[in-house]
């Protein structure tokens, strides 16, 4: 079947099959251990409250996926002692092209409206061609 057909989480759920994951978890600080390359995640900025495993013990992670916007991801990785990753996440907000290899975040306006009956369209989302001010439409309930 189509991975995205079951909502926005369908692709990540498919990729995570057979892998123990932690989702919807607040992380305030991240550090990469020099000894083994593993990641230690903390719930507080003072690095006193490490993220624990399900059984309450200390846990270091092999991989970290940061699913957040550029500014927050950059802030999280700033002090992680991984300069190459941090440089990739440097971000600015602007309406013009960014300098060099810098990521840029632009404003996005979203309009959501409710209809009384389903629209019966053959898609969950679509790019809009030929319209300067509208480039994407989607069925927001398809994310569920």
C-alpha atoms as a PDB file:
ATOM      1  CA  UNK A   1       0.000   0.000   0.000  1.00  0.00           C
ATOM      2  CA  UNK A   2       0.887   3.674  -0.148  1.00  0.00           C
ATOM      3  CA  UNK A   3       2.871   4.768   2.908  1.00  0.00           C
ATOM      4  CA  UNK A   4       1.350   8.252   3.045  1.00  0.00           C
ATOM      5  CA  UNK A   5      -2.219   7.037   2.631  1.00  0.00           C
ATOM      6  CA  UNK A   6      -2.627   6.438   6.362  1.00  0.00           C
ATOM      7  CA  UNK A   7      -1.861  10.047   7.302  1.00  0.00           C
ATOM      8  CA  UNK A   8       1.322  12.025   7.912  1.00  0.00           C
ATOM      9  CA  UNK A   9       2.734   9.433  10.293  1.00  0.00           C
ATOM     10  CA  UNK A  10       2.407   6.559   7.820  1.00  0.00           C
ATOM     11  CA  UNK A  11       5.871   6.942   6.289  1.00  0.00           C
ATOM     12  CA  UNK A  12       7.693   7.236   9.616  1.00  0.00           C
ATOM     13  CA  UNK A  13       5.750   4.315  11.082  1.00  0.00           C
ATOM     14  CA  UNK A  14       6.771   2.210   8.100  1.00  0.00           C
ATOM     15  CA  UNK A  15      10.437   3.217   8.428  1.00  0.00           C
ATOM     16  CA  UNK A  16      10.409   2.526  12.188  1.00  0.00           C
ATOM     17  CA  UNK A  17       9.159  -1.057  11.925  1.00  0.00           C
ATOM     18  CA  UNK A  18      11.417  -3.257  14.015  1.00  0.00           C
ATOM     19  CA  UNK A  19      13.192  -0.258  15.576  1.00  0.00           C
ATOM     20  CA  UNK A  20      12.572   0.889  19.146  1.00  0.00           C
ATOM     21  CA  UNK A  21      11.730   4.585  18.982  1.00  0.00           C
ATOM     22  CA  UNK A  22      10.745   7.375  21.360  1.00  0.00           C
ATOM     23  CA  UNK A  23       8.370   9.972  19.925  1.00  0.00           C
ATOM     24  CA  UNK A  24       6.670  13.107  21.219  1.00  0.00           C
ATOM     25  CA  UNK A  25       9.541  13.606  23.658  1.00  0.00           C
ATOM     26  CA  UNK A  26      10.778  17.017  24.829  1.00  0.00           C
ATOM     27  CA  UNK A  27      14.561  17.345  24.558  1.00  0.00           C
ATOM     28  CA  UNK A  28      16.266  20.529  25.790  1.00  0.00           C
ATOM     29  CA  UNK A  29      19.946  19.637  25.231  1.00  0.00           C
ATOM     30  CA  UNK A  30      21.840  17.121  23.122  1.00  0.00           C
ATOM     31  CA  UNK A  31      25.451  15.980  23.376  1.00  0.00           C
ATOM     32  CA  UNK A  32      27.484  13.514  21.363  1.00  0.00           C
ATOM     33  CA  UNK A  33      29.778  11.293  23.376  1.00  0.00           C
ATOM     34  CA  UNK A  34      33.390  11.212  22.152  1.00  0.00           C
ATOM     35  CA  UNK A  35      34.012   7.725  23.502  1.00  0.00           C
ATOM     36  CA  UNK A  36      31.452   5.814  21.443  1.00  0.00           C
ATOM     37  CA  UNK A  37      29.698   8.389  19.214  1.00  0.00           C
ATOM     38  CA  UNK A  38      26.371   7.845  20.960  1.00  0.00           C
ATOM     39  CA  UNK A  39      23.966  10.650  21.777  1.00  0.00           C
ATOM     40  CA  UNK A  40      22.858  11.667  25.256  1.00  0.00           C
ATOM     41  CA  UNK A  41      19.640  13.657  25.457  1.00  0.00           C
ATOM     42  CA  UNK A  42      18.555  15.853  28.346  1.00  0.00           C
ATOM     43  CA  UNK A  43      15.151  17.160  29.363  1.00  0.00           C
ATOM     44  CA  UNK A  44      16.653  20.315  30.919  1.00  0.00           C
ATOM     45  CA  UNK A  45      19.174  22.958  29.828  1.00  0.00           C
ATOM     46  CA  UNK A  46      21.446  22.241  32.800  1.00  0.00           C
ATOM     47  CA  UNK A  47      22.049  18.652  31.656  1.00  0.00           C
ATOM     48  CA  UNK A  48      20.962  17.261  35.021  1.00  0.00           C
ATOM     49  CA  UNK A  49      17.888  15.335  33.841  1.00  0.00           C
ATOM     50  CA  UNK A  50      18.854  12.828  31.115  1.00  0.00           C
ATOM     51  CA  UNK A  51      16.210  11.132  29.030  1.00  0.00           C
ATOM     52  CA  UNK A  52      15.650   7.733  30.621  1.00  0.00           C
ATOM     53  CA  UNK A  53      14.854   4.381  29.120  1.00  0.00           C
ATOM     54  CA  UNK A  54      11.512   2.718  29.765  1.00  0.00           C
ATOM     55  CA  UNK A  55      12.928   0.888  32.807  1.00  0.00           C
ATOM     56  CA  UNK A  56      14.230   4.129  34.345  1.00  0.00           C
ATOM     57  CA  UNK A  57      17.930   3.581  33.603  1.00  0.00           C
ATOM     58  CA  UNK A  58      20.282   5.938  31.767  1.00  0.00           C
ATOM     59  CA  UNK A  59      20.121   5.585  28.019  1.00  0.00           C
ATOM     60  CA  UNK A  60      22.336   6.797  25.201  1.00  0.00           C
ATOM     61  CA  UNK A  61      21.081   6.663  21.640  1.00  0.00           C
ATOM     62  CA  UNK A  62      22.682   5.490  18.408  1.00  0.00           C
ATOM     63  CA  UNK A  63      20.740   7.980  16.255  1.00  0.00           C
ATOM     64  CA  UNK A  64      18.721  11.135  16.808  1.00  0.00           C
ATOM     65  CA  UNK A  65      16.065  12.504  14.457  1.00  0.00           C
ATOM     66  CA  UNK A  66      15.208  16.145  15.050  1.00  0.00           C
ATOM     67  CA  UNK A  67      11.776  16.781  13.565  1.00  0.00           C
ATOM     68  CA  UNK A  68      11.541  20.502  14.199  1.00  0.00           C
ATOM     69  CA  UNK A  69      11.874  23.730  12.270  1.00  0.00           C
ATOM     70  CA  UNK A  70      15.300  25.134  11.413  1.00  0.00           C
ATOM     71  CA  UNK A  71      15.623  27.689  14.216  1.00  0.00           C
ATOM     72  CA  UNK A  72      14.709  25.232  16.971  1.00  0.00           C
ATOM     73  CA  UNK A  73      16.812  22.437  15.477  1.00  0.00           C
ATOM     74  CA  UNK A  74      19.786  24.820  15.200  1.00  0.00           C
ATOM     75  CA  UNK A  75      19.357  25.907  18.812  1.00  0.00           C
ATOM     76  CA  UNK A  76      19.175  22.282  19.983  1.00  0.00           C
ATOM     77  CA  UNK A  77      22.343  21.266  18.102  1.00  0.00           C
ATOM     78  CA  UNK A  78      24.321  24.478  18.809  1.00  0.00           C
ATOM     79  CA  UNK A  79      26.012  23.093  21.945  1.00  0.00           C
ATOM     80  CA  UNK A  80      26.121  19.432  20.891  1.00  0.00           C
ATOM     81  CA  UNK A  81      29.774  19.646  19.752  1.00  0.00           C
ATOM     82  CA  UNK A  82      28.928  18.556  16.203  1.00  0.00           C
ATOM     83  CA  UNK A  83      29.971  21.524  14.091  1.00  0.00           C
ATOM     84  CA  UNK A  84      29.137  19.977  10.694  1.00  0.00           C
ATOM     85  CA  UNK A  85      25.536  19.299  11.714  1.00  0.00           C
ATOM     86  CA  UNK A  86      25.186  22.672  13.408  1.00  0.00           C
ATOM     87  CA  UNK A  87      26.450  24.532  10.309  1.00  0.00           C
ATOM     88  CA  UNK A  88      23.839  22.786   8.131  1.00  0.00           C
ATOM     89  CA  UNK A  89      21.062  23.971  10.447  1.00  0.00           C
ATOM     90  CA  UNK A  90      21.985  27.666  10.523  1.00  0.00           C
ATOM     91  CA  UNK A  91      18.825  29.481   9.541  1.00  0.00           C
ATOM     92  CA  UNK A  92      17.490  32.911   8.792  1.00  0.00           C
ATOM     93  CA  UNK A  93      14.031  34.320   8.094  1.00  0.00           C
ATOM     94  CA  UNK A  94      13.722  36.358   4.886  1.00  0.00           C
ATOM     95  CA  UNK A  95      11.886  36.860   1.609  1.00  0.00           C
ATOM     96  CA  UNK A  96      15.072  36.784  -0.470  1.00  0.00           C
ATOM     97  CA  UNK A  97      17.471  33.977  -1.338  1.00  0.00           C
ATOM     98  CA  UNK A  98      19.755  33.006   1.572  1.00  0.00           C
ATOM     99  CA  UNK A  99      23.541  33.503   1.402  1.00  0.00           C
ATOM    100  CA  UNK A 100      25.564  30.403   0.577  1.00  0.00           C
ATOM    101  CA  UNK A 101      24.344  27.144   2.043  1.00  0.00           C
ATOM    102  CA  UNK A 102      22.144  28.677   4.727  1.00  0.00           C
ATOM    103  CA  UNK A 103      18.638  27.333   5.286  1.00  0.00           C
ATOM    104  CA  UNK A 104      15.893  29.908   5.002  1.00  0.00           C
ATOM    105  CA  UNK A 105      12.476  29.953   6.619  1.00  0.00           C
ATOM    106  CA  UNK A 106       9.797  32.028   4.966  1.00  0.00           C
ATOM    107  CA  UNK A 107       6.396  33.037   6.224  1.00  0.00           C
ATOM    108  CA  UNK A 108       3.567  30.727   5.364  1.00  0.00           C
ATOM    109  CA  UNK A 109      -0.082  31.676   5.603  1.00  0.00           C
ATOM    110  CA  UNK A 110      -2.591  28.911   6.191  1.00  0.00           C
ATOM    111  CA  UNK A 111      -6.345  29.118   5.724  1.00  0.00           C
ATOM    112  CA  UNK A 112      -8.442  26.298   7.126  1.00  0.00           C
ATOM    113  CA  UNK A 113     -12.169  26.078   6.533  1.00  0.00           C
ATOM    114  CA  UNK A 114     -14.871  23.559   7.306  1.00  0.00           C
ATOM    115  CA  UNK A 115     -17.356  22.200   4.787  1.00  0.00           C
ATOM    116  CA  UNK A 116     -20.665  20.575   5.676  1.00  0.00           C
ATOM    117  CA  UNK A 117     -20.211  17.577   3.376  1.00  0.00           C
ATOM    118  CA  UNK A 118     -17.044  15.835   2.106  1.00  0.00           C
ATOM    119  CA  UNK A 119     -15.825  17.443  -1.136  1.00  0.00           C
ATOM    120  CA  UNK A 120     -15.452  14.111  -2.962  1.00  0.00           C
ATOM    121  CA  UNK A 121     -12.184  15.070  -4.640  1.00  0.00           C
ATOM    122  CA  UNK A 122      -9.833  12.299  -5.831  1.00  0.00           C
ATOM    123  CA  UNK A 123      -6.805  13.562  -3.859  1.00  0.00           C
ATOM    124  CA  UNK A 124      -5.660  14.350  -0.307  1.00  0.00           C
ATOM    125  CA  UNK A 125      -3.358  17.168  -1.401  1.00  0.00           C
ATOM    126  CA  UNK A 126      -2.392  18.914  -4.608  1.00  0.00           C
ATOM    127  CA  UNK A 127      -0.060  21.581  -5.957  1.00  0.00           C
ATOM    128  CA  UNK A 128      -1.887  24.477  -7.593  1.00  0.00           C
ATOM    129  CA  UNK A 129      -0.339  25.580 -10.895  1.00  0.00           C
ATOM    130  CA  UNK A 130      -0.732  29.001 -12.447  1.00  0.00           C
ATOM    131  CA  UNK A 131      -1.844  30.773  -9.256  1.00  0.00           C
ATOM    132  CA  UNK A 132       0.712  33.139  -7.725  1.00  0.00           C
ATOM    133  CA  UNK A 133      -0.835  33.328  -4.237  1.00  0.00           C
ATOM    134  CA  UNK A 134      -1.947  29.724  -3.754  1.00  0.00           C
ATOM    135  CA  UNK A 135       0.432  26.825  -4.283  1.00  0.00           C
ATOM    136  CA  UNK A 136      -0.961  23.923  -2.224  1.00  0.00           C
ATOM    137  CA  UNK A 137      -4.343  22.604  -1.097  1.00  0.00           C
ATOM    138  CA  UNK A 138      -4.898  19.661   1.229  1.00  0.00           C
ATOM    139  CA  UNK A 139      -7.500  17.773   3.166  1.00  0.00           C
ATOM    140  CA  UNK A 140      -6.376  18.458   6.741  1.00  0.00           C
ATOM    141  CA  UNK A 141      -8.307  15.443   8.059  1.00  0.00           C
ATOM    142  CA  UNK A 142      -6.091  13.181   5.909  1.00  0.00           C
ATOM    143  CA  UNK A 143      -3.257  13.782   8.426  1.00  0.00           C
ATOM    144  CA  UNK A 144      -5.092  11.751  11.019  1.00  0.00           C
END
